[in-house]
Amino acid sequence: MKTFKYFLAAIIAISVSITSIAQTHNHSKVDATTRQKNIANKETFKVFGNCETCKSRIEKAAKLIGVTQAVWNDKTKVLTLAYDPEAVTSDDIQKSIAAVGHDTPKYKATSKVYNALPSCCKYR
């Protein structure tokens, strides 16, 4: 009988602790992730380049803080972006790309940076 009481007390203690852990779970992280996905801007624009080296350089330059996706298509010369507009702007991304030598609709690469590109990457 004594063993049964200890067993029953252990079962009750475990049940109470599991219930209290489940009730104190913090759902704010889940909500923040959901919110972030809902506010992501999607945008496409032309970025001039030629090859796989360009693709790597353009995508790396576009991946600023707040950018969740940056994919450049070397056939169409179109960059597809997904980003958080509260963290980064389209202008910031385009400036970053122009700074590594690739023209965008709003910003042109400087001659100095463009001339430093490998010959396979020159598009002008």
PDB file of N, CA and C in Angstrom:
ATOM      1  N   MET A   1       0.827  -1.184   0.000  1.00  0.00           N
ATOM      2  CA  MET A   1       0.000   0.000   0.000  1.00  0.00           C
ATOM      3  C   MET A   1       0.877   1.255   0.000  1.00  0.00           C
ATOM      4  N   LYS A   2       1.983   1.204   0.754  1.00  0.00           N
ATOM      5  CA  LYS A   2       2.889   2.343   0.805  1.00  0.00           C
ATOM      6  C   LYS A   2       3.516   2.590  -0.571  1.00  0.00           C
ATOM      7  N   THR A   3       3.864   1.537  -1.261  1.00  0.00           N
ATOM      8  CA  THR A   3       4.454   1.644  -2.584  1.00  0.00           C
ATOM      9  C   THR A   3       3.457   2.256  -3.563  1.00  0.00           C
ATOM     10  N   PHE A   4       2.210   1.878  -3.453  1.00  0.00           N
ATOM     11  CA  PHE A   4       1.171   2.421  -4.309  1.00  0.00           C
ATOM     12  C   PHE A   4       1.015   3.924  -4.091  1.00  0.00           C
ATOM     13  N   LYS A   5       1.090   4.391  -2.837  1.00  0.00           N
ATOM     14  CA  LYS A   5       0.970   5.822  -2.541  1.00  0.00           C
ATOM     15  C   LYS A   5       2.140   6.591  -3.165  1.00  0.00           C
ATOM     16  N   TYR A   6       3.361   6.040  -3.077  1.00  0.00           N
ATOM     17  CA  TYR A   6       4.524   6.705  -3.681  1.00  0.00           C
ATOM     18  C   TYR A   6       4.392   6.743  -5.204  1.00  0.00           C
ATOM     19  N   PHE A   7       3.916   5.646  -5.743  1.00  0.00           N
ATOM     20  CA  PHE A   7       3.727   5.578  -7.190  1.00  0.00           C
ATOM     21  C   PHE A   7       2.688   6.609  -7.634  1.00  0.00           C
ATOM     22  N   LEU A   8       1.571   6.692  -6.923  1.00  0.00           N
ATOM     23  CA  LEU A   8       0.514   7.648  -7.237  1.00  0.00           C
ATOM     24  C   LEU A   8       1.028   9.083  -7.087  1.00  0.00           C
ATOM     25  N   ALA A   9       1.804   9.354  -6.058  1.00  0.00           N
ATOM     26  CA  ALA A   9       2.361  10.694  -5.841  1.00  0.00           C
ATOM     27  C   ALA A   9       3.326  11.059  -6.973  1.00  0.00           C
ATOM     28  N   ALA A  10       4.117  10.112  -7.436  1.00  0.00           N
ATOM     29  CA  ALA A  10       5.055  10.366  -8.540  1.00  0.00           C
ATOM     30  C   ALA A  10       4.298  10.664  -9.826  1.00  0.00           C
ATOM     31  N   ILE A  11       3.247   9.915 -10.098  1.00  0.00           N
ATOM     32  CA  ILE A  11       2.442  10.150 -11.303  1.00  0.00           C
ATOM     33  C   ILE A  11       1.812  11.539 -11.255  1.00  0.00           C
ATOM     34  N   ILE A  12       1.296  11.936 -10.118  1.00  0.00           N
ATOM     35  CA  ILE A  12       0.679  13.263  -9.982  1.00  0.00           C
ATOM     36  C   ILE A  12       1.736  14.360 -10.171  1.00  0.00           C
ATOM     37  N   ALA A  13       2.910  14.185  -9.591  1.00  0.00           N
ATOM     38  CA  ALA A  13       3.979  15.179  -9.711  1.00  0.00           C
ATOM     39  C   ALA A  13       4.419  15.340 -11.158  1.00  0.00           C
ATOM     40  N   ILE A  14       4.565  14.249 -11.858  1.00  0.00           N
ATOM     41  CA  ILE A  14       4.962  14.304 -13.273  1.00  0.00           C
ATOM     42  C   ILE A  14       3.876  14.988 -14.100  1.00  0.00           C
ATOM     43  N   SER A  15       2.626  14.654 -13.862  1.00  0.00           N
ATOM     44  CA  SER A  15       1.520  15.264 -14.598  1.00  0.00           C
ATOM     45  C   SER A  15       1.462  16.772 -14.385  1.00  0.00           C
ATOM     46  N   VAL A  16       1.643  17.203 -13.149  1.00  0.00           N
ATOM     47  CA  VAL A  16       1.612  18.632 -12.837  1.00  0.00           C
ATOM     48  C   VAL A  16       2.778  19.353 -13.522  1.00  0.00           C
ATOM     49  N   SER A  17       3.963  18.763 -13.489  1.00  0.00           N
ATOM     50  CA  SER A  17       5.120  19.436 -14.095  1.00  0.00           C
ATOM     51  C   SER A  17       4.987  19.512 -15.616  1.00  0.00           C
ATOM     52  N   ILE A  18       4.487  18.467 -16.246  1.00  0.00           N
ATOM     53  CA  ILE A  18       4.295  18.484 -17.699  1.00  0.00           C
ATOM     54  C   ILE A  18       3.252  19.520 -18.083  1.00  0.00           C
ATOM     55  N   THR A  19       2.177  19.590 -17.335  1.00  0.00           N
ATOM     56  CA  THR A  19       1.125  20.560 -17.611  1.00  0.00           C
ATOM     57  C   THR A  19       1.636  21.983 -17.445  1.00  0.00           C
ATOM     58  N   SER A  20       2.403  22.231 -16.417  1.00  0.00           N
ATOM     59  CA  SER A  20       2.898  23.598 -16.203  1.00  0.00           C
ATOM     60  C   SER A  20       3.919  23.996 -17.262  1.00  0.00           C
ATOM     61  N   ILE A  21       4.738  23.072 -17.749  1.00  0.00           N
ATOM     62  CA  ILE A  21       5.693  23.375 -18.813  1.00  0.00           C
ATOM     63  C   ILE A  21       4.940  23.706 -20.097  1.00  0.00           C
ATOM     64  N   ALA A  22       3.911  22.953 -20.409  1.00  0.00           N
ATOM     65  CA  ALA A  22       3.145  23.180 -21.629  1.00  0.00           C
ATOM     66  C   ALA A  22       2.449  24.536 -21.595  1.00  0.00           C
ATOM     67  N   GLN A  23       2.024  24.980 -20.427  1.00  0.00           N
ATOM     68  CA  GLN A  23       1.311  26.243 -20.319  1.00  0.00           C
ATOM     69  C   GLN A  23       2.242  27.445 -20.335  1.00  0.00           C
ATOM     70  N   THR A  24       3.519  27.267 -20.032  1.00  0.00           N
ATOM     71  CA  THR A  24       4.435  28.398 -20.015  1.00  0.00           C
ATOM     72  C   THR A  24       5.269  28.495 -21.284  1.00  0.00           C
ATOM     73  N   HIS A  25       4.943  27.732 -22.309  1.00  0.00           N
ATOM     74  CA  HIS A  25       5.684  27.775 -23.570  1.00  0.00           C
ATOM     75  C   HIS A  25       5.550  29.164 -24.198  1.00  0.00           C
ATOM     76  N   ASN A  26       6.642  29.717 -24.659  1.00  0.00           N
ATOM     77  CA  ASN A  26       6.675  31.048 -25.242  1.00  0.00           C
ATOM     78  C   ASN A  26       6.419  30.949 -26.752  1.00  0.00           C
ATOM     79  N   HIS A  27       5.275  31.442 -27.182  1.00  0.00           N
ATOM     80  CA  HIS A  27       4.909  31.386 -28.591  1.00  0.00           C
ATOM     81  C   HIS A  27       5.327  32.640 -29.356  1.00  0.00           C
ATOM     82  N   SER A  28       5.997  33.570 -28.707  1.00  0.00           N
ATOM     83  CA  SER A  28       6.353  34.827 -29.373  1.00  0.00           C
ATOM     84  C   SER A  28       7.320  34.612 -30.525  1.00  0.00           C
ATOM     85  N   LYS A  29       8.198  33.597 -30.420  1.00  0.00           N
ATOM     86  CA  LYS A  29       9.137  33.329 -31.509  1.00  0.00           C
ATOM     87  C   LYS A  29       8.399  32.845 -32.747  1.00  0.00           C
ATOM     88  N   VAL A  30       7.404  32.034 -32.560  1.00  0.00           N
ATOM     89  CA  VAL A  30       6.619  31.543 -33.683  1.00  0.00           C
ATOM     90  C   VAL A  30       5.896  32.711 -34.336  1.00  0.00           C
ATOM     91  N   ASP A  31       5.323  33.594 -33.533  1.00  0.00           N
ATOM     92  CA  ASP A  31       4.608  34.740 -34.065  1.00  0.00           C
ATOM     93  C   ASP A  31       5.552  35.669 -34.832  1.00  0.00           C
ATOM     94  N   ALA A  32       6.771  35.885 -34.332  1.00  0.00           N
ATOM     95  CA  ALA A  32       7.733  36.761 -35.004  1.00  0.00           C
ATOM     96  C   ALA A  32       8.124  36.187 -36.357  1.00  0.00           C
ATOM     97  N   THR A  33       8.328  34.884 -36.422  1.00  0.00           N
ATOM     98  CA  THR A  33       8.684  34.249 -37.689  1.00  0.00           C
ATOM     99  C   THR A  33       7.543  34.390 -38.678  1.00  0.00           C
ATOM    100  N   THR A  34       6.335  34.159 -38.237  1.00  0.00           N
ATOM    101  CA  THR A  34       5.171  34.292 -39.101  1.00  0.00           C
ATOM    102  C   THR A  34       5.021  35.726 -39.571  1.00  0.00           C
ATOM    103  N   ARG A  35       5.193  36.675 -38.646  1.00  0.00           N
ATOM    104  CA  ARG A  35       5.102  38.085 -39.004  1.00  0.00           C
ATOM    105  C   ARG A  35       6.150  38.441 -40.041  1.00  0.00           C
ATOM    106  N   GLN A  36       7.390  37.956 -39.863  1.00  0.00           N
ATOM    107  CA  GLN A  36       8.472  38.283 -40.776  1.00  0.00           C
ATOM    108  C   GLN A  36       8.170  37.769 -42.174  1.00  0.00           C
ATOM    109  N   LYS A  37       7.618  36.566 -42.291  1.00  0.00           N
ATOM    110  CA  LYS A  37       7.284  36.028 -43.605  1.00  0.00           C
ATOM    111  C   LYS A  37       6.186  36.849 -44.265  1.00  0.00           C
ATOM    112  N   ASN A  38       5.252  37.367 -43.443  1.00  0.00           N
ATOM    113  CA  ASN A  38       4.144  38.121 -43.996  1.00  0.00           C
ATOM    114  C   ASN A  38       4.563  39.497 -44.495  1.00  0.00           C
ATOM    115  N   ILE A  39       5.639  40.071 -43.943  1.00  0.00           N
ATOM    116  CA  ILE A  39       6.022  41.416 -44.354  1.00  0.00           C
ATOM    117  C   ILE A  39       7.164  41.422 -45.367  1.00  0.00           C
ATOM    118  N   ALA A  40       7.586  40.266 -45.854  1.00  0.00           N
ATOM    119  CA  ALA A  40       8.683  40.210 -46.820  1.00  0.00           C
ATOM    120  C   ALA A  40       8.218  40.762 -48.165  1.00  0.00           C
ATOM    121  N   ASN A  41       8.983  41.719 -48.680  1.00  0.00           N
ATOM    122  CA  ASN A  41       8.734  42.239 -50.022  1.00  0.00           C
ATOM    123  C   ASN A  41       9.382  41.319 -51.037  1.00  0.00           C
ATOM    124  N   LYS A  42       8.719  41.133 -52.150  1.00  0.00           N
ATOM    125  CA  LYS A  42       9.315  40.389 -53.261  1.00  0.00           C
ATOM    126  C   LYS A  42       9.465  41.376 -54.397  1.00  0.00           C
ATOM    127  N   GLU A  43      10.616  41.334 -55.044  1.00  0.00           N
ATOM    128  CA  GLU A  43      10.901  42.292 -56.101  1.00  0.00           C
ATOM    129  C   GLU A  43      11.829  41.667 -57.126  1.00  0.00           C
ATOM    130  N   THR A  44      11.696  42.110 -58.356  1.00  0.00           N
ATOM    131  CA  THR A  44      12.625  41.691 -59.409  1.00  0.00           C
ATOM    132  C   THR A  44      13.089  42.932 -60.149  1.00  0.00           C
ATOM    133  N   PHE A  45      14.342  42.912 -60.570  1.00  0.00           N
ATOM    134  CA  PHE A  45      14.863  43.971 -61.427  1.00  0.00           C
ATOM    135  C   PHE A  45      16.071  43.444 -62.174  1.00  0.00           C
ATOM    136  N   LYS A  46      16.399  44.116 -63.279  1.00  0.00           N
ATOM    137  CA  LYS A  46      17.528  43.716 -64.116  1.00  0.00           C
ATOM    138  C   LYS A  46      18.837  44.085 -63.448  1.00  0.00           C
ATOM    139  N   VAL A  47      19.807  43.176 -63.552  1.00  0.00           N
ATOM    140  CA  VAL A  47      21.175  43.431 -63.111  1.00  0.00           C
ATOM    141  C   VAL A  47      22.074  42.917 -64.234  1.00  0.00           C
ATOM    142  N   PHE A  48      22.949  43.775 -64.719  1.00  0.00           N
ATOM    143  CA  PHE A  48      23.779  43.396 -65.858  1.00  0.00           C
ATOM    144  C   PHE A  48      24.990  42.588 -65.428  1.00  0.00           C
ATOM    145  N   GLY A  49      25.236  41.507 -66.164  1.00  0.00           N
ATOM    146  CA  GLY A  49      26.345  40.598 -65.926  1.00  0.00           C
ATOM    147  C   GLY A  49      26.316  39.536 -67.003  1.00  0.00           C
ATOM    148  N   ASN A  50      27.268  38.590 -66.944  1.00  0.00           N
ATOM    149  CA  ASN A  50      27.354  37.605 -68.026  1.00  0.00           C
ATOM    150  C   ASN A  50      27.399  36.143 -67.596  1.00  0.00           C
ATOM    151  N   CYS A  51      28.096  35.843 -66.526  1.00  0.00           N
ATOM    152  CA  CYS A  51      28.470  34.448 -66.281  1.00  0.00           C
ATOM    153  C   CYS A  51      28.185  34.001 -64.841  1.00  0.00           C
ATOM    154  N   GLU A  52      28.626  32.782 -64.539  1.00  0.00           N
ATOM    155  CA  GLU A  52      28.453  32.223 -63.191  1.00  0.00           C
ATOM    156  C   GLU A  52      29.231  33.014 -62.136  1.00  0.00           C
ATOM    157  N   THR A  53      30.369  33.575 -62.528  1.00  0.00           N
ATOM    158  CA  THR A  53      31.136  34.405 -61.603  1.00  0.00           C
ATOM    159  C   THR A  53      30.330  35.654 -61.254  1.00  0.00           C
ATOM    160  N   CYS A  54      29.690  36.230 -62.251  1.00  0.00           N
ATOM    161  CA  CYS A  54      28.819  37.383 -62.026  1.00  0.00           C
ATOM    162  C   CYS A  54      27.674  36.999 -61.087  1.00  0.00           C
ATOM    163  N   LYS A  55      27.074  35.847 -61.357  1.00  0.00           N
ATOM    164  CA  LYS A  55      25.952  35.368 -60.540  1.00  0.00           C
ATOM    165  C   LYS A  55      26.351  35.306 -59.076  1.00  0.00           C
ATOM    166  N   SER A  56      27.493  34.718 -58.804  1.00  0.00           N
ATOM    167  CA  SER A  56      27.968  34.592 -57.434  1.00  0.00           C
ATOM    168  C   SER A  56      28.196  35.968 -56.802  1.00  0.00           C
ATOM    169  N   ARG A  57      28.830  36.861 -57.552  1.00  0.00           N
ATOM    170  CA  ARG A  57      29.138  38.196 -57.041  1.00  0.00           C
ATOM    171  C   ARG A  57      27.861  38.998 -56.773  1.00  0.00           C
ATOM    172  N   ILE A  58      26.914  38.939 -57.709  1.00  0.00           N
ATOM    173  CA  ILE A  58      25.655  39.685 -57.583  1.00  0.00           C
ATOM    174  C   ILE A  58      24.842  39.176 -56.397  1.00  0.00           C
ATOM    175  N   GLU A  59      24.683  37.863 -56.292  1.00  0.00           N
ATOM    176  CA  GLU A  59      23.887  37.295 -55.205  1.00  0.00           C
ATOM    177  C   GLU A  59      24.522  37.580 -53.850  1.00  0.00           C
ATOM    178  N   LYS A  60      25.844  37.518 -53.782  1.00  0.00           N
ATOM    179  CA  LYS A  60      26.537  37.805 -52.518  1.00  0.00           C
ATOM    180  C   LYS A  60      26.341  39.271 -52.133  1.00  0.00           C
ATOM    181  N   ALA A  61      26.456  40.173 -53.098  1.00  0.00           N
ATOM    182  CA  ALA A  61      26.286  41.604 -52.817  1.00  0.00           C
ATOM    183  C   ALA A  61      24.853  41.930 -52.405  1.00  0.00           C
ATOM    184  N   ALA A  62      23.893  41.176 -52.933  1.00  0.00           N
ATOM    185  CA  ALA A  62      22.479  41.435 -52.632  1.00  0.00           C
ATOM    186  C   ALA A  62      22.061  40.922 -51.267  1.00  0.00           C
ATOM    187  N   LYS A  63      22.797  39.985 -50.713  1.00  0.00           N
ATOM    188  CA  LYS A  63      22.382  39.364 -49.448  1.00  0.00           C
ATOM    189  C   LYS A  63      22.801  40.200 -48.249  1.00  0.00           C
ATOM    190  N   LEU A  64      22.201  41.369 -48.146  1.00  0.00           N
ATOM    191  CA  LEU A  64      22.401  42.231 -46.994  1.00  0.00           C
ATOM    192  C   LEU A  64      21.529  41.733 -45.852  1.00  0.00           C
ATOM    193  N   ILE A  65      21.725  42.279 -44.665  1.00  0.00           N
ATOM    194  CA  ILE A  65      20.875  41.914 -43.527  1.00  0.00           C
ATOM    195  C   ILE A  65      19.436  42.287 -43.864  1.00  0.00           C
ATOM    196  N   GLY A  66      18.545  41.339 -43.725  1.00  0.00           N
ATOM    197  CA  GLY A  66      17.141  41.542 -44.061  1.00  0.00           C
ATOM    198  C   GLY A  66      16.731  40.899 -45.369  1.00  0.00           C
ATOM    199  N   VAL A  67      17.701  40.509 -46.184  1.00  0.00           N
ATOM    200  CA  VAL A  67      17.396  39.841 -47.457  1.00  0.00           C
ATOM    201  C   VAL A  67      17.328  38.345 -47.195  1.00  0.00           C
ATOM    202  N   THR A  68      16.206  37.744 -47.509  1.00  0.00           N
ATOM    203  CA  THR A  68      16.034  36.309 -47.263  1.00  0.00           C
ATOM    204  C   THR A  68      16.270  35.478 -48.514  1.00  0.00           C
ATOM    205  N   GLN A  69      16.192  36.123 -49.687  1.00  0.00           N
ATOM    206  CA  GLN A  69      16.422  35.386 -50.935  1.00  0.00           C
ATOM    207  C   GLN A  69      16.956  36.342 -51.986  1.00  0.00           C
ATOM    208  N   ALA A  70      17.980  35.903 -52.698  1.00  0.00           N
ATOM    209  CA  ALA A  70      18.530  36.667 -53.826  1.00  0.00           C
ATOM    210  C   ALA A  70      18.995  35.664 -54.873  1.00  0.00           C
ATOM    211  N   VAL A  71      18.306  35.628 -56.001  1.00  0.00           N
ATOM    212  CA  VAL A  71      18.645  34.683 -57.077  1.00  0.00           C
ATOM    213  C   VAL A  71      18.711  35.457 -58.387  1.00  0.00           C
ATOM    214  N   TRP A  72      19.878  35.403 -59.033  1.00  0.00           N
ATOM    215  CA  TRP A  72      20.077  36.083 -60.316  1.00  0.00           C
ATOM    216  C   TRP A  72      20.098  35.056 -61.435  1.00  0.00           C
ATOM    217  N   ASN A  73      19.343  35.316 -62.491  1.00  0.00           N
ATOM    218  CA  ASN A  73      19.284  34.433 -63.648  1.00  0.00           C
ATOM    219  C   ASN A  73      20.190  35.006 -64.733  1.00  0.00           C
ATOM    220  N   ASP A  74      21.218  34.277 -65.116  1.00  0.00           N
ATOM    221  CA  ASP A  74      22.189  34.785 -66.086  1.00  0.00           C
ATOM    222  C   ASP A  74      21.634  34.852 -67.517  1.00  0.00           C
ATOM    223  N   LYS A  75      20.551  34.155 -67.791  1.00  0.00           N
ATOM    224  CA  LYS A  75      19.937  34.204 -69.130  1.00  0.00           C
ATOM    225  C   LYS A  75      19.073  35.463 -69.284  1.00  0.00           C
ATOM    226  N   THR A  76      18.232  35.716 -68.291  1.00  0.00           N
ATOM    227  CA  THR A  76      17.309  36.856 -68.357  1.00  0.00           C
ATOM    228  C   THR A  76      17.897  38.124 -67.737  1.00  0.00           C
ATOM    229  N   LYS A  77      18.990  37.985 -66.978  1.00  0.00           N
ATOM    230  CA  LYS A  77      19.635  39.113 -66.284  1.00  0.00           C
ATOM    231  C   LYS A  77      18.716  39.724 -65.228  1.00  0.00           C
ATOM    232  N   VAL A  78      17.827  38.908 -64.645  1.00  0.00           N
ATOM    233  CA  VAL A  78      16.870  39.386 -63.652  1.00  0.00           C
ATOM    234  C   VAL A  78      17.231  38.826 -62.284  1.00  0.00           C
ATOM    235  N   LEU A  79      17.264  39.724 -61.297  1.00  0.00           N
ATOM    236  CA  LEU A  79      17.493  39.345 -59.906  1.00  0.00           C
ATOM    237  C   LEU A  79      16.151  39.284 -59.206  1.00  0.00           C
ATOM    238  N   THR A  80      15.875  38.172 -58.542  1.00  0.00           N
ATOM    239  CA  THR A  80      14.647  38.003 -57.770  1.00  0.00           C
ATOM    240  C   THR A  80      15.010  38.086 -56.296  1.00  0.00           C
ATOM    241  N   LEU A  81      14.339  38.979 -55.576  1.00  0.00           N
ATOM    242  CA  LEU A  81      14.634  39.217 -54.164  1.00  0.00           C
ATOM    243  C   LEU A  81      13.425  39.001 -53.285  1.00  0.00           C
ATOM    244  N   ALA A  82      13.690  38.602 -52.057  1.00  0.00           N
ATOM    245  CA  ALA A  82      12.700  38.627 -50.979  1.00  0.00           C
ATOM    246  C   ALA A  82      13.429  39.265 -49.807  1.00  0.00           C
ATOM    247  N   TYR A  83      12.835  40.324 -49.230  1.00  0.00           N
ATOM    248  CA  TYR A  83      13.517  41.030 -48.155  1.00  0.00           C
ATOM    249  C   TYR A  83      12.518  41.690 -47.211  1.00  0.00           C
ATOM    250  N   ASP A  84      13.011  42.011 -46.027  1.00  0.00           N
ATOM    251  CA  ASP A  84      12.224  42.681 -45.006  1.00  0.00           C
ATOM    252  C   ASP A  84      12.411  44.185 -45.191  1.00  0.00           C
ATOM    253  N   PRO A  85      11.368  44.909 -45.582  1.00  0.00           N
ATOM    254  CA  PRO A  85      11.507  46.338 -45.837  1.00  0.00           C
ATOM    255  C   PRO A  85      11.802  47.158 -44.580  1.00  0.00           C
ATOM    256  N   GLU A  86      11.594  46.570 -43.418  1.00  0.00           N
ATOM    257  CA  GLU A  86      11.942  47.268 -42.172  1.00  0.00           C
ATOM    258  C   GLU A  86      13.440  47.180 -41.892  1.00  0.00           C
ATOM    259  N   ALA A  87      14.136  46.243 -42.530  1.00  0.00           N
ATOM    260  CA  ALA A  87      15.568  46.047 -42.297  1.00  0.00           C
ATOM    261  C   ALA A  87      16.432  46.594 -43.420  1.00  0.00           C
ATOM    262  N   VAL A  88      15.929  46.586 -44.651  1.00  0.00           N
ATOM    263  CA  VAL A  88      16.732  46.981 -45.811  1.00  0.00           C
ATOM    264  C   VAL A  88      15.802  47.503 -46.902  1.00  0.00           C
ATOM    265  N   THR A  89      16.321  48.385 -47.750  1.00  0.00           N
ATOM    266  CA  THR A  89      15.516  48.911 -48.854  1.00  0.00           C
ATOM    267  C   THR A  89      16.047  48.386 -50.191  1.00  0.00           C
ATOM    268  N   SER A  90      15.223  48.500 -51.195  1.00  0.00           N
ATOM    269  CA  SER A  90      15.637  48.111 -52.546  1.00  0.00           C
ATOM    270  C   SER A  90      16.822  48.966 -52.988  1.00  0.00           C
ATOM    271  N   ASP A  91      16.822  50.237 -52.645  1.00  0.00           N
ATOM    272  CA  ASP A  91      17.943  51.118 -52.995  1.00  0.00           C
ATOM    273  C   ASP A  91      19.244  50.643 -52.358  1.00  0.00           C
ATOM    274  N   ASP A  92      19.186  50.220 -51.089  1.00  0.00           N
ATOM    275  CA  ASP A  92      20.389  49.712 -50.411  1.00  0.00           C
ATOM    276  C   ASP A  92      20.954  48.500 -51.156  1.00  0.00           C
ATOM    277  N   ILE A  93      20.072  47.616 -51.573  1.00  0.00           N
ATOM    278  CA  ILE A  93      20.494  46.399 -52.279  1.00  0.00           C
ATOM    279  C   ILE A  93      21.103  46.768 -53.630  1.00  0.00           C
ATOM    280  N   GLN A  94      20.446  47.667 -54.362  1.00  0.00           N
ATOM    281  CA  GLN A  94      20.960  48.064 -55.673  1.00  0.00           C
ATOM    282  C   GLN A  94      22.302  48.796 -55.554  1.00  0.00           C
ATOM    283  N   LYS A  95      22.477  49.608 -54.525  1.00  0.00           N
ATOM    284  CA  LYS A  95      23.760  50.291 -54.294  1.00  0.00           C
ATOM    285  C   LYS A  95      24.861  49.274 -54.026  1.00  0.00           C
ATOM    286  N   SER A  96      24.547  48.251 -53.243  1.00  0.00           N
ATOM    287  CA  SER A  96      25.522  47.214 -52.915  1.00  0.00           C
ATOM    288  C   SER A  96      25.956  46.454 -54.171  1.00  0.00           C
ATOM    289  N   ILE A  97      25.008  46.178 -55.048  1.00  0.00           N
ATOM    290  CA  ILE A  97      25.314  45.463 -56.289  1.00  0.00           C
ATOM    291  C   ILE A  97      26.165  46.342 -57.211  1.00  0.00           C
ATOM    292  N   ALA A  98      25.814  47.605 -57.322  1.00  0.00           N
ATOM    293  CA  ALA A  98      26.588  48.526 -58.160  1.00  0.00           C
ATOM    294  C   ALA A  98      28.006  48.691 -57.607  1.00  0.00           C
ATOM    295  N   ALA A  99      28.155  48.617 -56.301  1.00  0.00           N
ATOM    296  CA  ALA A  99      29.472  48.776 -55.672  1.00  0.00           C
ATOM    297  C   ALA A  99      30.434  47.645 -56.020  1.00  0.00           C
ATOM    298  N   VAL A 100      29.895  46.479 -56.451  1.00  0.00           N
ATOM    299  CA  VAL A 100      30.771  45.369 -56.842  1.00  0.00           C
ATOM    300  C   VAL A 100      30.923  45.258 -58.361  1.00  0.00           C
ATOM    301  N   GLY A 101      30.344  46.237 -59.109  1.00  0.00           N
ATOM    302  CA  GLY A 101      30.602  46.292 -60.540  1.00  0.00           C
ATOM    303  C   GLY A 101      29.463  45.984 -61.478  1.00  0.00           C
ATOM    304  N   HIS A 102      28.236  45.874 -60.979  1.00  0.00           N
ATOM    305  CA  HIS A 102      27.110  45.497 -61.837  1.00  0.00           C
ATOM    306  C   HIS A 102      26.034  46.578 -61.823  1.00  0.00           C
ATOM    307  N   ASP A 103      25.628  47.010 -63.018  1.00  0.00           N
ATOM    308  CA  ASP A 103      24.614  48.051 -63.156  1.00  0.00           C
ATOM    309  C   ASP A 103      23.232  47.515 -62.813  1.00  0.00           C
ATOM    310  N   THR A 104      22.437  48.375 -62.172  1.00  0.00           N
ATOM    311  CA  THR A 104      21.042  48.090 -61.855  1.00  0.00           C
ATOM    312  C   THR A 104      20.212  49.214 -62.464  1.00  0.00           C
ATOM    313  N   PRO A 105      18.891  49.136 -62.427  1.00  0.00           N
ATOM    314  CA  PRO A 105      18.084  50.219 -63.003  1.00  0.00           C
ATOM    315  C   PRO A 105      18.352  51.592 -62.375  1.00  0.00           C
ATOM    316  N   LYS A 106      18.660  51.635 -61.083  1.00  0.00           N
ATOM    317  CA  LYS A 106      18.851  52.927 -60.413  1.00  0.00           C
ATOM    318  C   LYS A 106      20.307  53.338 -60.240  1.00  0.00           C
ATOM    319  N   TYR A 107      21.222  52.388 -60.186  1.00  0.00           N
ATOM    320  CA  TYR A 107      22.623  52.701 -59.886  1.00  0.00           C
ATOM    321  C   TYR A 107      23.557  52.028 -60.880  1.00  0.00           C
ATOM    322  N   LYS A 108      24.552  52.775 -61.312  1.00  0.00           N
ATOM    323  CA  LYS A 108      25.559  52.256 -62.243  1.00  0.00           C
ATOM    324  C   LYS A 108      26.867  52.047 -61.486  1.00  0.00           C
ATOM    325  N   ALA A 109      27.589  51.006 -61.851  1.00  0.00           N
ATOM    326  CA  ALA A 109      28.901  50.741 -61.251  1.00  0.00           C
ATOM    327  C   ALA A 109      29.870  51.822 -61.714  1.00  0.00           C
ATOM    328  N   THR A 110      30.776  52.212 -60.854  1.00  0.00           N
ATOM    329  CA  THR A 110      31.782  53.195 -61.258  1.00  0.00           C
ATOM    330  C   THR A 110      32.714  52.549 -62.274  1.00  0.00           C
ATOM    331  N   SER A 111      33.332  53.379 -63.092  1.00  0.00           N
ATOM    332  CA  SER A 111      34.264  52.874 -64.118  1.00  0.00           C
ATOM    333  C   SER A 111      35.412  52.116 -63.479  1.00  0.00           C
ATOM    334  N   LYS A 112      35.887  52.618 -62.351  1.00  0.00           N
ATOM    335  CA  LYS A 112      37.016  51.979 -61.670  1.00  0.00           C
ATOM    336  C   LYS A 112      36.663  50.549 -61.249  1.00  0.00           C
ATOM    337  N   VAL A 113      35.499  50.378 -60.639  1.00  0.00           N
ATOM    338  CA  VAL A 113      35.066  49.047 -60.178  1.00  0.00           C
ATOM    339  C   VAL A 113      34.749  48.156 -61.378  1.00  0.00           C
ATOM    340  N   TYR A 114      34.057  48.704 -62.377  1.00  0.00           N
ATOM    341  CA  TYR A 114      33.711  47.923 -63.567  1.00  0.00           C
ATOM    342  C   TYR A 114      34.967  47.429 -64.284  1.00  0.00           C
ATOM    343  N   ASN A 115      35.955  48.300 -64.444  1.00  0.00           N
ATOM    344  CA  ASN A 115      37.182  47.929 -65.155  1.00  0.00           C
ATOM    345  C   ASN A 115      37.996  46.872 -64.409  1.00  0.00           C
ATOM    346  N   ALA A 116      37.772  46.744 -63.113  1.00  0.00           N
ATOM    347  CA  ALA A 116      38.486  45.742 -62.320  1.00  0.00           C
ATOM    348  C   ALA A 116      37.846  44.351 -62.416  1.00  0.00           C
ATOM    349  N   LEU A 117      36.667  44.251 -63.030  1.00  0.00           N
ATOM    350  CA  LEU A 117      35.999  42.944 -63.189  1.00  0.00           C
ATOM    351  C   LEU A 117      36.822  42.058 -64.119  1.00  0.00           C
ATOM    352  N   PRO A 118      36.724  40.744 -63.962  1.00  0.00           N
ATOM    353  CA  PRO A 118      37.373  39.840 -64.930  1.00  0.00           C
ATOM    354  C   PRO A 118      36.777  40.075 -66.322  1.00  0.00           C
ATOM    355  N   SER A 119      37.537  39.766 -67.351  1.00  0.00           N
ATOM    356  CA  SER A 119      37.074  40.037 -68.725  1.00  0.00           C
ATOM    357  C   SER A 119      35.774  39.319 -69.075  1.00  0.00           C
ATOM    358  N   CYS A 120      35.555  38.144 -68.510  1.00  0.00           N
ATOM    359  CA  CYS A 120      34.320  37.405 -68.808  1.00  0.00           C
ATOM    360  C   CYS A 120      33.081  38.088 -68.221  1.00  0.00           C
ATOM    361  N   CYS A 121      33.287  38.982 -67.268  1.00  0.00           N
ATOM    362  CA  CYS A 121      32.170  39.633 -66.578  1.00  0.00           C
ATOM    363  C   CYS A 121      31.800  40.993 -67.168  1.00  0.00           C
ATOM    364  N   LYS A 122      32.584  41.475 -68.106  1.00  0.00           N
ATOM    365  CA  LYS A 122      32.338  42.801 -68.652  1.00  0.00           C
ATOM    366  C   LYS A 122      31.176  42.751 -69.641  1.00  0.00           C
ATOM    367  N   TYR A 123      30.198  43.594 -69.410  1.00  0.00           N
ATOM    368  CA  TYR A 123      28.961  43.581 -70.181  1.00  0.00           C
ATOM    369  C   TYR A 123      28.749  44.871 -70.946  1.00  0.00           C
ATOM    370  N   ARG A 124      29.521  45.900 -70.724  1.00  0.00           N
ATOM    371  CA  ARG A 124      29.353  47.182 -71.419  1.00  0.00           C
ATOM    372  C   ARG A 124      30.039  47.171 -72.758  1.00  0.00           C
TER     373      ARG A 124
END
